[in-house]
Amino acid sequence: AVATTKEANARFQAAKQKVAAAERKLSMAKVRADHARDALKALTGQ
């Protein structure tokens, strides 16, 4: 079935939002990893 332009556009927007949410999660995870690494360095005194 061929989706209307409106449907295709809505799907595209939803996909874009999912990607944006995934990118936010990824950057948050990276920040946490950086903090954990810094804390580890402080603990081990290196």
N, C-alpha and C. Protein backbone atom coordinates (compact mmCIF):
# COMPACT_ATOMS: atom_id res chain seq x y z
N ALA A 1 0.84 -1.20 0.00
CA ALA A 1 0.00 0.00 0.00
C ALA A 1 0.87 1.25 0.00
N VAL A 2 0.47 2.20 -0.79
CA VAL A 2 1.24 3.44 -0.88
C VAL A 2 0.73 4.42 0.18
N ALA A 3 1.61 4.87 1.03
CA ALA A 3 1.22 5.83 2.07
C ALA A 3 1.05 7.21 1.46
N THR A 4 0.14 7.98 2.01
CA THR A 4 -0.01 9.35 1.53
C THR A 4 1.20 10.15 1.97
N THR A 5 1.37 11.29 1.36
CA THR A 5 2.50 12.15 1.72
C THR A 5 2.43 12.53 3.20
N LYS A 6 1.20 12.77 3.68
CA LYS A 6 1.01 13.14 5.07
C LYS A 6 1.48 12.02 6.00
N GLU A 7 1.07 10.77 5.68
CA GLU A 7 1.47 9.62 6.49
C GLU A 7 2.98 9.44 6.47
N ALA A 8 3.55 9.55 5.27
CA ALA A 8 5.00 9.38 5.14
C ALA A 8 5.73 10.45 5.95
N ASN A 9 5.22 11.67 5.90
CA ASN A 9 5.83 12.78 6.63
C ASN A 9 5.75 12.53 8.14
N ALA A 10 4.59 12.06 8.59
CA ALA A 10 4.42 11.78 10.02
C ALA A 10 5.38 10.68 10.47
N ARG A 11 5.52 9.65 9.64
CA ARG A 11 6.46 8.56 9.97
C ARG A 11 7.88 9.07 10.03
N PHE A 12 8.21 9.93 9.09
CA PHE A 12 9.56 10.50 9.03
C PHE A 12 9.84 11.31 10.31
N GLN A 13 8.87 12.13 10.71
CA GLN A 13 9.03 12.94 11.92
C GLN A 13 9.20 12.05 13.15
N ALA A 14 8.39 10.98 13.24
CA ALA A 14 8.49 10.06 14.37
C ALA A 14 9.86 9.40 14.41
N ALA A 15 10.35 9.01 13.25
CA ALA A 15 11.67 8.37 13.17
C ALA A 15 12.75 9.36 13.60
N LYS A 16 12.61 10.61 13.16
CA LYS A 16 13.59 11.63 13.53
C LYS A 16 13.63 11.84 15.04
N GLN A 17 12.44 11.82 15.66
CA GLN A 17 12.37 12.00 17.11
C GLN A 17 13.02 10.82 17.83
N LYS A 18 12.81 9.60 17.31
CA LYS A 18 13.44 8.42 17.91
C LYS A 18 14.95 8.51 17.84
N VAL A 19 15.45 8.96 16.68
CA VAL A 19 16.90 9.12 16.51
C VAL A 19 17.43 10.17 17.49
N ALA A 20 16.72 11.29 17.60
CA ALA A 20 17.15 12.35 18.51
C ALA A 20 17.18 11.86 19.94
N ALA A 21 16.17 11.09 20.34
CA ALA A 21 16.11 10.55 21.70
C ALA A 21 17.28 9.59 21.93
N ALA A 22 17.57 8.76 20.94
CA ALA A 22 18.69 7.82 21.06
C ALA A 22 20.01 8.57 21.18
N GLU A 23 20.16 9.65 20.43
CA GLU A 23 21.39 10.43 20.49
C GLU A 23 21.55 11.09 21.86
N ARG A 24 20.43 11.56 22.44
CA ARG A 24 20.50 12.15 23.77
C ARG A 24 20.94 11.11 24.79
N LYS A 25 20.34 9.89 24.70
CA LYS A 25 20.72 8.83 25.62
C LYS A 25 22.20 8.50 25.49
N LEU A 26 22.67 8.47 24.25
CA LEU A 26 24.07 8.14 23.99
C LEU A 26 24.99 9.20 24.60
N SER A 27 24.67 10.47 24.42
CA SER A 27 25.53 11.52 24.95
C SER A 27 25.49 11.54 26.47
N MET A 28 24.32 11.23 27.05
CA MET A 28 24.24 11.13 28.50
C MET A 28 25.10 9.99 29.02
N ALA A 29 25.07 8.86 28.31
CA ALA A 29 25.87 7.71 28.70
C ALA A 29 27.35 8.06 28.61
N LYS A 30 27.73 8.82 27.60
CA LYS A 30 29.12 9.21 27.42
C LYS A 30 29.56 10.12 28.57
N VAL A 31 28.69 11.05 28.96
CA VAL A 31 29.00 11.95 30.07
C VAL A 31 29.19 11.14 31.35
N ARG A 32 28.29 10.16 31.58
CA ARG A 32 28.41 9.32 32.76
C ARG A 32 29.71 8.53 32.76
N ALA A 33 30.07 8.02 31.59
CA ALA A 33 31.31 7.25 31.47
C ALA A 33 32.52 8.15 31.78
N ASP A 34 32.47 9.38 31.27
CA ASP A 34 33.56 10.32 31.55
C ASP A 34 33.66 10.59 33.04
N HIS A 35 32.53 10.81 33.69
CA HIS A 35 32.52 11.07 35.12
C HIS A 35 33.05 9.87 35.89
N ALA A 36 32.62 8.67 35.48
CA ALA A 36 33.08 7.46 36.15
C ALA A 36 34.59 7.31 36.00
N ARG A 37 35.10 7.61 34.82
CA ARG A 37 36.55 7.49 34.59
C ARG A 37 37.30 8.49 35.46
N ASP A 38 36.77 9.73 35.55
CA ASP A 38 37.41 10.74 36.39
C ASP A 38 37.40 10.32 37.85
N ALA A 39 36.27 9.77 38.31
CA ALA A 39 36.16 9.32 39.70
C ALA A 39 37.15 8.20 39.97
N LEU A 40 37.27 7.30 39.02
CA LEU A 40 38.20 6.18 39.15
C LEU A 40 39.63 6.69 39.25
N LYS A 41 39.97 7.66 38.42
CA LYS A 41 41.33 8.24 38.46
C LYS A 41 41.58 8.87 39.83
N ALA A 42 40.57 9.57 40.35
CA ALA A 42 40.72 10.22 41.64
C ALA A 42 40.92 9.17 42.74
N LEU A 43 40.16 8.09 42.65
CA LEU A 43 40.26 7.02 43.66
C LEU A 43 41.62 6.34 43.63
N THR A 44 42.11 6.05 42.42
CA THR A 44 43.37 5.32 42.30
C THR A 44 44.57 6.27 42.37
N GLY A 45 44.29 7.58 42.39
CA GLY A 45 45.36 8.57 42.52
C GLY A 45 46.28 8.61 41.32
N GLN A 46 45.73 8.39 40.13
CA GLN A 46 46.58 8.42 38.94
C GLN A 46 46.35 9.68 38.12
